[in-house]
Structure formats: structure tokens, C-alpha cells
Amino acid sequence: MQYFQDVLTLTAPTTGAFEAYDLIGFSGAKVEADDAPVLGAAKHPNTVIGDLAAIIVIGTIRVRAVGVINVGDKVVSAATGGVKTAGADPVNAFATALHSAADGGFVDILIR
């Protein structure tokens, strides 16, 4: 089950298809690279390129953990979807883990 609490949602034109809760880049497409710039998380799925989509840019959302994530860790995008621990020198840390999660589990993150 998905959970989110949006504080600020922006509308952005899309350049690709994506599912609800996928991480979305500033280009309007699903993020598919490690430590890529993230605008936010998609509030709804999108199947039509060029449509406007609601993107949660401040708030909490549940996403897939790639690798072990500990509470309070800064997170970045993962190439396989979801998030992973930012590590020592992240370029695009965009959120904080609100609880710990095992690899492949779900983690609630605070996007800000």
C-alpha cells in the first residue's frame, strides 16, 4: 500500500511515461540513474507524453529501498528505481529516510 503526505505539489509537463510514486527529474521523465537530480515523486501515473503531471516536491512518500537504509540517512535516486543511501559525497541528495529499511523493502522519505 502506498502512503504519501504532500505539502507542496507542482504541475509539470511530462516527457515520458511513469507510474505513481516514481521519482521524476527536472526533465519531466522518470529518473533512471544513480544520484540523479530529482524534482520530486509522481502523485499519479502518466501514460501520455506532454500531459501535465502532479509532482510532490515537498512532503513524505513511501518508495522502494535499494540496499540497506538507516533512519536519518540522506538518500539519492537509484538506477533501478527507488532510493539508496547517499554515501559520503552525494551530488543530488534530495530526501531523508524517516525509518530504517532492508534492501528491497519500503522506506518513507521526507522530500525537501
C-alpha atoms as a PDB file:
ATOM      1  CA  MET A   1       0.000   0.000   0.000  1.00  0.00           C
ATOM      2  CA  GLN A   2       1.294   3.437  -0.867  1.00  0.00           C
ATOM      3  CA  TYR A   3       1.323   6.356   1.512  1.00  0.00           C
ATOM      4  CA  PHE A   4       2.126   9.999   0.934  1.00  0.00           C
ATOM      5  CA  GLN A   5       1.565  13.363   2.563  1.00  0.00           C
ATOM      6  CA  ASP A   6       2.101  16.190   0.151  1.00  0.00           C
ATOM      7  CA  VAL A   7       2.929  19.643   1.447  1.00  0.00           C
ATOM      8  CA  LEU A   8       3.764  21.167  -1.939  1.00  0.00           C
ATOM      9  CA  THR A   9       2.777  19.661  -5.273  1.00  0.00           C
ATOM     10  CA  LEU A  10       3.779  21.280  -8.563  1.00  0.00           C
ATOM     11  CA  THR A  11       2.369  20.622 -12.007  1.00  0.00           C
ATOM     12  CA  ALA A  12       4.989  19.806 -14.635  1.00  0.00           C
ATOM     13  CA  PRO A  13       4.865  18.812 -18.319  1.00  0.00           C
ATOM     14  CA  THR A  14       5.933  15.211 -18.888  1.00  0.00           C
ATOM     15  CA  THR A  15       8.470  13.852 -21.370  1.00  0.00           C
ATOM     16  CA  GLY A  16       7.976  10.170 -20.578  1.00  0.00           C
ATOM     17  CA  ALA A  17       5.617   7.619 -19.104  1.00  0.00           C
ATOM     18  CA  PHE A  18       5.844   6.683 -15.422  1.00  0.00           C
ATOM     19  CA  GLU A  19       3.967   5.072 -12.551  1.00  0.00           C
ATOM     20  CA  ALA A  20       2.602   6.775  -9.463  1.00  0.00           C
ATOM     21  CA  TYR A  21       5.332   7.361  -6.828  1.00  0.00           C
ATOM     22  CA  ASP A  22       8.191   7.093  -9.358  1.00  0.00           C
ATOM     23  CA  LEU A  23      10.936   9.677  -8.878  1.00  0.00           C
ATOM     24  CA  ILE A  24      10.686  12.395 -11.534  1.00  0.00           C
ATOM     25  CA  GLY A  25      13.567  14.532 -12.783  1.00  0.00           C
ATOM     26  CA  PHE A  26      13.527  18.152 -13.858  1.00  0.00           C
ATOM     27  CA  SER A  27      13.133  16.955 -17.464  1.00  0.00           C
ATOM     28  CA  GLY A  28       9.637  15.613 -16.684  1.00  0.00           C
ATOM     29  CA  ALA A  29      10.660  11.961 -17.046  1.00  0.00           C
ATOM     30  CA  LYS A  30      11.238   9.067 -14.642  1.00  0.00           C
ATOM     31  CA  VAL A  31      14.682   9.158 -13.005  1.00  0.00           C
ATOM     32  CA  GLU A  32      16.685   6.103 -14.126  1.00  0.00           C
ATOM     33  CA  ALA A  33      20.205   6.887 -12.912  1.00  0.00           C
ATOM     34  CA  ASP A  34      22.104   6.756  -9.630  1.00  0.00           C
ATOM     35  CA  ASP A  35      22.369  10.084  -7.789  1.00  0.00           C
ATOM     36  CA  ALA A  36      20.462  11.996 -10.483  1.00  0.00           C
ATOM     37  CA  PRO A  37      18.720  15.344  -9.891  1.00  0.00           C
ATOM     38  CA  VAL A  38      15.176  14.734  -8.592  1.00  0.00           C
ATOM     39  CA  LEU A  39      12.310  17.212  -8.812  1.00  0.00           C
ATOM     40  CA  GLY A  40      10.011  15.025  -6.710  1.00  0.00           C
ATOM     41  CA  ALA A  41       7.728  12.000  -6.829  1.00  0.00           C
ATOM     42  CA  ALA A  42       4.800  11.449  -9.201  1.00  0.00           C
ATOM     43  CA  LYS A  43       1.446  11.655  -7.470  1.00  0.00           C
ATOM     44  CA  HIS A  44      -0.338   9.757 -10.263  1.00  0.00           C
ATOM     45  CA  PRO A  45       0.705   7.538 -13.195  1.00  0.00           C
ATOM     46  CA  ASN A  46       1.287   9.131 -16.595  1.00  0.00           C
ATOM     47  CA  THR A  47       0.935   7.401 -19.973  1.00  0.00           C
ATOM     48  CA  VAL A  48       0.683  10.377 -22.345  1.00  0.00           C
ATOM     49  CA  ILE A  49       3.856  12.324 -23.107  1.00  0.00           C
ATOM     50  CA  GLY A  50       3.174  16.046 -22.894  1.00  0.00           C
ATOM     51  CA  ASP A  51       0.417  15.786 -20.298  1.00  0.00           C
ATOM     52  CA  LEU A  52       0.755  17.770 -17.109  1.00  0.00           C
ATOM     53  CA  ALA A  53       1.549  15.713 -14.009  1.00  0.00           C
ATOM     54  CA  ALA A  54       1.313  16.435 -10.295  1.00  0.00           C
ATOM     55  CA  ILE A  55       4.767  16.089  -8.701  1.00  0.00           C
ATOM     56  CA  ILE A  56       5.208  16.041  -4.917  1.00  0.00           C
ATOM     57  CA  VAL A  57       8.203  18.319  -4.279  1.00  0.00           C
ATOM     58  CA  ILE A  58       7.826  18.705  -0.501  1.00  0.00           C
ATOM     59  CA  GLY A  59       6.290  16.001   1.675  1.00  0.00           C
ATOM     60  CA  THR A  60       6.595  12.352   2.628  1.00  0.00           C
ATOM     61  CA  ILE A  61       6.237   9.319   0.387  1.00  0.00           C
ATOM     62  CA  ARG A  62       6.915   5.577   0.515  1.00  0.00           C
ATOM     63  CA  VAL A  63       9.410   4.254  -2.047  1.00  0.00           C
ATOM     64  CA  ARG A  64      11.481   1.114  -2.650  1.00  0.00           C
ATOM     65  CA  ALA A  65      14.825   0.859  -0.812  1.00  0.00           C
ATOM     66  CA  VAL A  66      17.853  -0.262  -2.812  1.00  0.00           C
ATOM     67  CA  GLY A  67      20.343  -1.524  -0.259  1.00  0.00           C
ATOM     68  CA  VAL A  68      20.025  -1.081   3.485  1.00  0.00           C
ATOM     69  CA  ILE A  69      18.819   2.366   4.556  1.00  0.00           C
ATOM     70  CA  ASN A  70      19.002   3.597   8.160  1.00  0.00           C
ATOM     71  CA  VAL A  71      16.757   6.150   9.818  1.00  0.00           C
ATOM     72  CA  GLY A  72      18.064   9.663   9.184  1.00  0.00           C
ATOM     73  CA  ASP A  73      20.142   8.710   6.136  1.00  0.00           C
ATOM     74  CA  LYS A  74      20.189  11.169   3.262  1.00  0.00           C
ATOM     75  CA  VAL A  75      19.033   9.378   0.117  1.00  0.00           C
ATOM     76  CA  VAL A  76      19.587   9.705  -3.630  1.00  0.00           C
ATOM     77  CA  SER A  77      17.935   8.142  -6.652  1.00  0.00           C
ATOM     78  CA  ALA A  78      18.825   4.552  -7.596  1.00  0.00           C
ATOM     79  CA  ALA A  79      19.233   3.457 -11.214  1.00  0.00           C
ATOM     80  CA  THR A  80      16.847   0.521 -10.688  1.00  0.00           C
ATOM     81  CA  GLY A  81      14.137   2.789  -9.257  1.00  0.00           C
ATOM     82  CA  GLY A  82      13.599   3.847  -5.678  1.00  0.00           C
ATOM     83  CA  VAL A  83      16.262   5.308  -3.415  1.00  0.00           C
ATOM     84  CA  LYS A  84      19.566   4.336  -1.853  1.00  0.00           C
ATOM     85  CA  THR A  85      21.793   5.773   0.877  1.00  0.00           C
ATOM     86  CA  ALA A  86      23.585   8.878  -0.346  1.00  0.00           C
ATOM     87  CA  GLY A  87      27.031   7.812   0.834  1.00  0.00           C
ATOM     88  CA  ALA A  88      29.945  10.064   1.733  1.00  0.00           C
ATOM     89  CA  ASP A  89      29.888  12.518  -1.185  1.00  0.00           C
ATOM     90  CA  PRO A  90      26.431  12.732  -2.798  1.00  0.00           C
ATOM     91  CA  VAL A  91      25.721  15.234  -5.547  1.00  0.00           C
ATOM     92  CA  ASN A  92      21.909  15.095  -5.505  1.00  0.00           C
ATOM     93  CA  ALA A  93      20.681  14.043  -2.038  1.00  0.00           C
ATOM     94  CA  PHE A  94      17.043  15.117  -2.086  1.00  0.00           C
ATOM     95  CA  ALA A  95      15.393  13.401   0.889  1.00  0.00           C
ATOM     96  CA  THR A  96      15.852  11.907   4.366  1.00  0.00           C
ATOM     97  CA  ALA A  97      14.810   8.407   5.464  1.00  0.00           C
ATOM     98  CA  LEU A  98      12.183   8.505   8.216  1.00  0.00           C
ATOM     99  CA  HIS A  99      12.846   4.899   9.313  1.00  0.00           C
ATOM    100  CA  SER A 100      15.190   2.031   8.517  1.00  0.00           C
ATOM    101  CA  ALA A 101      14.558  -0.401   5.661  1.00  0.00           C
ATOM    102  CA  ALA A 102      16.130  -3.560   4.305  1.00  0.00           C
ATOM    103  CA  ASP A 103      17.186  -3.983   0.686  1.00  0.00           C
ATOM    104  CA  GLY A 104      14.045  -4.376  -1.427  1.00  0.00           C
ATOM    105  CA  GLY A 105      11.763  -3.128   1.344  1.00  0.00           C
ATOM    106  CA  PHE A 106       9.892   0.132   1.500  1.00  0.00           C
ATOM    107  CA  VAL A 107      11.066   3.307   3.207  1.00  0.00           C
ATOM    108  CA  ASP A 108       9.198   6.503   3.949  1.00  0.00           C
ATOM    109  CA  ILE A 109      11.221   9.551   2.927  1.00  0.00           C
ATOM    110  CA  LEU A 110      10.904  13.250   3.600  1.00  0.00           C
ATOM    111  CA  ILE A 111      11.413  15.201   0.382  1.00  0.00           C
ATOM    112  CA  ARG A 112      12.506  18.793   0.890  1.00  0.00           C
END
